[in-house]
Amino acid sequence: MIKNICVFASSSNYLEEAFYEDSRALGKLIGQNGFNIVYGGSTLGMMWACAEQVKNNGGKIYGVMPQRLVDMGCRTDNCDEFHLAIGMRDRKQKMDEISDAVVALAGGFGTLEELAEMIVQKQLGYNKKPIVILNTNGFYDKLLEFFDVIIEEKFANRISKELYFVAKTPQEAID
């Protein structure tokens, strides 16, 4: 049963508005559908745009942040539960531990690394969590093309495409 959805997303406050709109829409749907969010625990970028809407629509916020980012002043006090991590690896492990599903929104290298790790974890049988890639404005098109190259060149088998689902809209991600 899915209760806690881990959301990976950009912490940038300087993106096109469409990315924040999809983040807020996803957060609203997460909260309205009785789910909670597990995320990075900050008030920055798309992460916060999503988490704030979860809270505003009845869901709970579970933040996970390493000490270094807390020391930089990135932590929000709006979390229902906050988990302090030693570093980024510890953070990912805790986020994985307390979530039942994963949605990757547009993001930078951190989001890419988190998404890739979750796909590998599922590929190796460490979890069976749904993994959704929300492809706002075609953001992930080139990465998905690269995934196809990985499969075509036999670095992964065709069944690997079943490890994740690509959604075009926040509603499709929740469905």
C-alpha atoms as a PDB file:
ATOM      1  CA  MET A   1       0.000   0.000   0.000  1.00  0.00           C
ATOM      2  CA  ILE A   2       1.331   3.414  -0.938  1.00  0.00           C
ATOM      3  CA  LYS A   3       1.222   6.055   1.775  1.00  0.00           C
ATOM      4  CA  ASN A   4       4.497   8.006   1.536  1.00  0.00           C
ATOM      5  CA  ILE A   5       5.715   9.279  -1.822  1.00  0.00           C
ATOM      6  CA  CYS A   6       9.338  10.298  -2.165  1.00  0.00           C
ATOM      7  CA  VAL A   7       9.692  13.295  -4.467  1.00  0.00           C
ATOM      8  CA  PHE A   8      13.027  14.162  -6.036  1.00  0.00           C
ATOM      9  CA  ALA A   9      13.126  17.637  -7.584  1.00  0.00           C
ATOM     10  CA  SER A  10      15.185  20.747  -8.212  1.00  0.00           C
ATOM     11  CA  SER A  11      16.044  23.116  -5.388  1.00  0.00           C
ATOM     12  CA  SER A  12      16.476  26.012  -7.824  1.00  0.00           C
ATOM     13  CA  ASN A  13      14.314  29.109  -7.473  1.00  0.00           C
ATOM     14  CA  TYR A  14      15.181  30.321 -11.003  1.00  0.00           C
ATOM     15  CA  LEU A  15      13.310  28.009 -13.356  1.00  0.00           C
ATOM     16  CA  GLU A  16      10.500  28.475 -15.848  1.00  0.00           C
ATOM     17  CA  GLU A  17       7.163  28.785 -14.070  1.00  0.00           C
ATOM     18  CA  ALA A  18       5.797  25.607 -15.717  1.00  0.00           C
ATOM     19  CA  PHE A  19       8.106  23.497 -13.539  1.00  0.00           C
ATOM     20  CA  TYR A  20       6.801  25.061 -10.318  1.00  0.00           C
ATOM     21  CA  GLU A  21       3.222  24.735 -11.572  1.00  0.00           C
ATOM     22  CA  ASP A  22       3.624  20.990 -12.086  1.00  0.00           C
ATOM     23  CA  SER A  23       5.338  20.707  -8.695  1.00  0.00           C
ATOM     24  CA  ARG A  24       2.462  22.484  -6.957  1.00  0.00           C
ATOM     25  CA  ALA A  25      -0.121  20.462  -8.887  1.00  0.00           C
ATOM     26  CA  LEU A  26       1.592  17.209  -7.924  1.00  0.00           C
ATOM     27  CA  GLY A  27       1.780  18.273  -4.285  1.00  0.00           C
ATOM     28  CA  LYS A  28      -1.890  19.177  -4.269  1.00  0.00           C
ATOM     29  CA  LEU A  29      -2.793  15.769  -5.714  1.00  0.00           C
ATOM     30  CA  ILE A  30      -0.541  13.959  -3.245  1.00  0.00           C
ATOM     31  CA  GLY A  31      -2.277  15.661  -0.311  1.00  0.00           C
ATOM     32  CA  GLN A  32      -5.811  15.384  -1.703  1.00  0.00           C
ATOM     33  CA  ASN A  33      -5.360  11.658  -2.330  1.00  0.00           C
ATOM     34  CA  GLY A  34      -4.322  10.922   1.241  1.00  0.00           C
ATOM     35  CA  PHE A  35      -0.595  10.542   0.585  1.00  0.00           C
ATOM     36  CA  ASN A  36       2.368  12.147   2.347  1.00  0.00           C
ATOM     37  CA  ILE A  37       5.618  13.469   0.898  1.00  0.00           C
ATOM     38  CA  VAL A  38       9.164  12.415   1.681  1.00  0.00           C
ATOM     39  CA  TYR A  39      11.570  15.017   0.334  1.00  0.00           C
ATOM     40  CA  GLY A  40      14.752  16.974   1.000  1.00  0.00           C
ATOM     41  CA  GLY A  41      13.344  19.089   3.836  1.00  0.00           C
ATOM     42  CA  SER A  42      14.047  22.554   2.426  1.00  0.00           C
ATOM     43  CA  THR A  43      12.072  25.636   1.421  1.00  0.00           C
ATOM     44  CA  LEU A  44      13.787  25.826  -1.953  1.00  0.00           C
ATOM     45  CA  GLY A  45      12.655  25.406  -5.533  1.00  0.00           C
ATOM     46  CA  MET A  46      10.378  22.753  -6.866  1.00  0.00           C
ATOM     47  CA  MET A  47      10.906  20.638  -3.745  1.00  0.00           C
ATOM     48  CA  TRP A  48       9.198  23.220  -1.558  1.00  0.00           C
ATOM     49  CA  ALA A  49       6.573  24.103  -4.186  1.00  0.00           C
ATOM     50  CA  CYS A  50       5.457  20.466  -4.040  1.00  0.00           C
ATOM     51  CA  ALA A  51       5.806  19.915  -0.283  1.00  0.00           C
ATOM     52  CA  GLU A  52       3.916  23.076   0.659  1.00  0.00           C
ATOM     53  CA  GLN A  53       0.918  21.962  -1.420  1.00  0.00           C
ATOM     54  CA  VAL A  54       0.984  18.500   0.152  1.00  0.00           C
ATOM     55  CA  LYS A  55       0.697  20.146   3.582  1.00  0.00           C
ATOM     56  CA  ASN A  56      -1.974  22.622   2.397  1.00  0.00           C
ATOM     57  CA  ASN A  57      -4.059  19.713   1.101  1.00  0.00           C
ATOM     58  CA  GLY A  58      -4.031  17.428   4.118  1.00  0.00           C
ATOM     59  CA  GLY A  59      -0.828  15.439   3.704  1.00  0.00           C
ATOM     60  CA  LYS A  60       2.196  15.236   5.936  1.00  0.00           C
ATOM     61  CA  ILE A  61       5.722  16.361   5.155  1.00  0.00           C
ATOM     62  CA  TYR A  62       8.676  14.146   5.991  1.00  0.00           C
ATOM     63  CA  GLY A  63      11.960  15.970   5.438  1.00  0.00           C
ATOM     64  CA  VAL A  64      15.374  14.339   5.220  1.00  0.00           C
ATOM     65  CA  MET A  65      18.433  16.584   5.112  1.00  0.00           C
ATOM     66  CA  PRO A  66      22.143  16.182   5.759  1.00  0.00           C
ATOM     67  CA  GLN A  67      23.783  18.289   8.472  1.00  0.00           C
ATOM     68  CA  ARG A  68      25.778  20.308   5.947  1.00  0.00           C
ATOM     69  CA  LEU A  69      22.607  21.673   4.321  1.00  0.00           C
ATOM     70  CA  VAL A  70      21.046  22.349   7.722  1.00  0.00           C
ATOM     71  CA  ASP A  71      24.153  24.377   8.600  1.00  0.00           C
ATOM     72  CA  MET A  72      23.666  26.363   5.376  1.00  0.00           C
ATOM     73  CA  GLY A  73      20.163  27.368   6.538  1.00  0.00           C
ATOM     74  CA  CYS A  74      18.188  25.302   4.019  1.00  0.00           C
ATOM     75  CA  ARG A  75      15.963  23.467   6.525  1.00  0.00           C
ATOM     76  CA  THR A  76      12.269  24.230   6.881  1.00  0.00           C
ATOM     77  CA  ASP A  77      10.457  24.115  10.211  1.00  0.00           C
ATOM     78  CA  ASN A  78       7.253  23.003   8.434  1.00  0.00           C
ATOM     79  CA  CYS A  79       8.001  19.265   8.457  1.00  0.00           C
ATOM     80  CA  ASP A  80       5.750  16.940  10.420  1.00  0.00           C
ATOM     81  CA  GLU A  81       8.821  14.756  10.818  1.00  0.00           C
ATOM     82  CA  PHE A  82      12.409  15.756  10.158  1.00  0.00           C
ATOM     83  CA  HIS A  83      15.273  13.306   9.818  1.00  0.00           C
ATOM     84  CA  LEU A  84      18.829  14.570  10.106  1.00  0.00           C
ATOM     85  CA  ALA A  85      21.230  12.652   7.881  1.00  0.00           C
ATOM     86  CA  ILE A  86      25.007  12.410   8.110  1.00  0.00           C
ATOM     87  CA  GLY A  87      25.506  12.967   4.383  1.00  0.00           C
ATOM     88  CA  MET A  88      23.831  12.524   1.021  1.00  0.00           C
ATOM     89  CA  ARG A  89      24.173   8.722   0.986  1.00  0.00           C
ATOM     90  CA  ASP A  90      22.577   8.479   4.415  1.00  0.00           C
ATOM     91  CA  ARG A  91      19.862  10.864   3.236  1.00  0.00           C
ATOM     92  CA  LYS A  92      18.970   8.690   0.228  1.00  0.00           C
ATOM     93  CA  GLN A  93      18.903   5.584   2.389  1.00  0.00           C
ATOM     94  CA  LYS A  94      16.487   7.206   4.857  1.00  0.00           C
ATOM     95  CA  MET A  95      14.274   8.545   2.063  1.00  0.00           C
ATOM     96  CA  ASP A  96      14.153   5.058   0.539  1.00  0.00           C
ATOM     97  CA  GLU A  97      13.390   3.507   3.922  1.00  0.00           C
ATOM     98  CA  ILE A  98      10.358   5.686   4.688  1.00  0.00           C
ATOM     99  CA  SER A  99       8.818   5.905   1.207  1.00  0.00           C
ATOM    100  CA  ASP A 100       6.533   3.567  -0.708  1.00  0.00           C
ATOM    101  CA  ALA A 101       6.843   5.137  -4.160  1.00  0.00           C
ATOM    102  CA  VAL A 102       9.081   7.614  -5.994  1.00  0.00           C
ATOM    103  CA  VAL A 103       8.330  10.528  -8.313  1.00  0.00           C
ATOM    104  CA  ALA A 104      11.194  12.340 -10.018  1.00  0.00           C
ATOM    105  CA  LEU A 105      10.394  15.853 -11.155  1.00  0.00           C
ATOM    106  CA  ALA A 106      12.784  17.943 -13.218  1.00  0.00           C
ATOM    107  CA  GLY A 107      16.068  18.514 -11.442  1.00  0.00           C
ATOM    108  CA  GLY A 108      19.812  18.736 -11.614  1.00  0.00           C
ATOM    109  CA  PHE A 109      22.593  16.277 -10.932  1.00  0.00           C
ATOM    110  CA  GLY A 110      21.270  15.405  -7.472  1.00  0.00           C
ATOM    111  CA  THR A 111      17.862  14.461  -8.840  1.00  0.00           C
ATOM    112  CA  LEU A 112      19.477  12.458 -11.639  1.00  0.00           C
ATOM    113  CA  GLU A 113      21.645  10.569  -9.161  1.00  0.00           C
ATOM    114  CA  GLU A 114      18.699   9.847  -6.859  1.00  0.00           C
ATOM    115  CA  LEU A 115      16.541   8.630  -9.744  1.00  0.00           C
ATOM    116  CA  ALA A 116      19.299   6.407 -11.125  1.00  0.00           C
ATOM    117  CA  GLU A 117      19.918   4.842  -7.720  1.00  0.00           C
ATOM    118  CA  MET A 118      16.230   4.044  -7.237  1.00  0.00           C
ATOM    119  CA  ILE A 119      16.050   2.429 -10.687  1.00  0.00           C
ATOM    120  CA  VAL A 120      19.109   0.288  -9.898  1.00  0.00           C
ATOM    121  CA  GLN A 121      17.694  -0.655  -6.473  1.00  0.00           C
ATOM    122  CA  LYS A 122      14.526  -1.859  -8.185  1.00  0.00           C
ATOM    123  CA  GLN A 123      16.456  -3.572 -10.993  1.00  0.00           C
ATOM    124  CA  LEU A 124      18.426  -5.591  -8.426  1.00  0.00           C
ATOM    125  CA  GLY A 125      15.324  -6.493  -6.434  1.00  0.00           C
ATOM    126  CA  TYR A 126      15.971  -4.382  -3.348  1.00  0.00           C
ATOM    127  CA  ASN A 127      12.540  -2.819  -3.712  1.00  0.00           C
ATOM    128  CA  LYS A 128       9.429  -3.029  -5.857  1.00  0.00           C
ATOM    129  CA  LYS A 129       8.381   0.600  -5.463  1.00  0.00           C
ATOM    130  CA  PRO A 130       6.672   2.381  -8.321  1.00  0.00           C
ATOM    131  CA  ILE A 131       9.070   4.878  -9.906  1.00  0.00           C
ATOM    132  CA  VAL A 132       7.509   7.699 -11.895  1.00  0.00           C
ATOM    133  CA  ILE A 133       9.372  10.227 -14.004  1.00  0.00           C
ATOM    134  CA  LEU A 134       7.264  13.361 -14.466  1.00  0.00           C
ATOM    135  CA  ASN A 135       8.413  14.701 -17.823  1.00  0.00           C
ATOM    136  CA  THR A 136       7.350  18.364 -17.572  1.00  0.00           C
ATOM    137  CA  ASN A 137       7.935  20.230 -20.853  1.00  0.00           C
ATOM    138  CA  GLY A 138       9.855  17.233 -22.200  1.00  0.00           C
ATOM    139  CA  PHE A 139      12.610  17.846 -19.647  1.00  0.00           C
ATOM    140  CA  TYR A 140      13.600  14.171 -19.549  1.00  0.00           C
ATOM    141  CA  ASP A 141      13.307  13.470 -23.294  1.00  0.00           C
ATOM    142  CA  LYS A 142      17.074  13.311 -23.890  1.00  0.00           C
ATOM    143  CA  LEU A 143      17.645  11.156 -20.802  1.00  0.00           C
ATOM    144  CA  LEU A 144      14.912   8.757 -21.897  1.00  0.00           C
ATOM    145  CA  GLU A 145      16.540   8.597 -25.342  1.00  0.00           C
ATOM    146  CA  PHE A 146      19.799   7.713 -23.596  1.00  0.00           C
ATOM    147  CA  PHE A 147      18.013   5.006 -21.616  1.00  0.00           C
ATOM    148  CA  ASP A 148      16.927   3.589 -25.000  1.00  0.00           C
ATOM    149  CA  VAL A 149      20.564   3.618 -26.171  1.00  0.00           C
ATOM    150  CA  ILE A 150      21.597   1.750 -23.013  1.00  0.00           C
ATOM    151  CA  ILE A 151      19.007  -0.911 -23.862  1.00  0.00           C
ATOM    152  CA  GLU A 152      19.715  -0.995 -27.610  1.00  0.00           C
ATOM    153  CA  GLU A 153      23.442  -1.430 -26.961  1.00  0.00           C
ATOM    154  CA  LYS A 154      22.604  -4.252 -24.510  1.00  0.00           C
ATOM    155  CA  PHE A 155      23.979  -2.555 -21.372  1.00  0.00           C
ATOM    156  CA  ALA A 156      20.544  -3.321 -19.923  1.00  0.00           C
ATOM    157  CA  ASN A 157      17.809  -5.626 -21.136  1.00  0.00           C
ATOM    158  CA  ARG A 158      14.474  -4.550 -22.584  1.00  0.00           C
ATOM    159  CA  ILE A 159      12.612  -5.403 -19.392  1.00  0.00           C
ATOM    160  CA  SER A 160      14.450  -2.466 -17.794  1.00  0.00           C
ATOM    161  CA  LYS A 161      11.865  -0.136 -19.362  1.00  0.00           C
ATOM    162  CA  GLU A 162       9.321  -1.669 -16.966  1.00  0.00           C
ATOM    163  CA  LEU A 163      11.268  -0.392 -13.946  1.00  0.00           C
ATOM    164  CA  TYR A 164       9.840   3.118 -14.311  1.00  0.00           C
ATOM    165  CA  PHE A 165       6.817   4.901 -15.737  1.00  0.00           C
ATOM    166  CA  VAL A 166       6.994   8.199 -17.610  1.00  0.00           C
ATOM    167  CA  ALA A 167       4.135  10.597 -16.864  1.00  0.00           C
ATOM    168  CA  LYS A 168       3.327  13.699 -18.858  1.00  0.00           C
ATOM    169  CA  THR A 169       1.143  15.341 -16.201  1.00  0.00           C
ATOM    170  CA  PRO A 170       0.927  15.382 -12.405  1.00  0.00           C
ATOM    171  CA  GLN A 171      -2.439  13.578 -12.600  1.00  0.00           C
ATOM    172  CA  GLU A 172      -0.877  10.818 -14.698  1.00  0.00           C
ATOM    173  CA  ALA A 173       1.899  10.497 -12.113  1.00  0.00           C
ATOM    174  CA  ILE A 174      -0.621   9.997  -9.306  1.00  0.00           C
ATOM    175  CA  ASP A 175      -2.753   7.580 -11.355  1.00  0.00           C
END
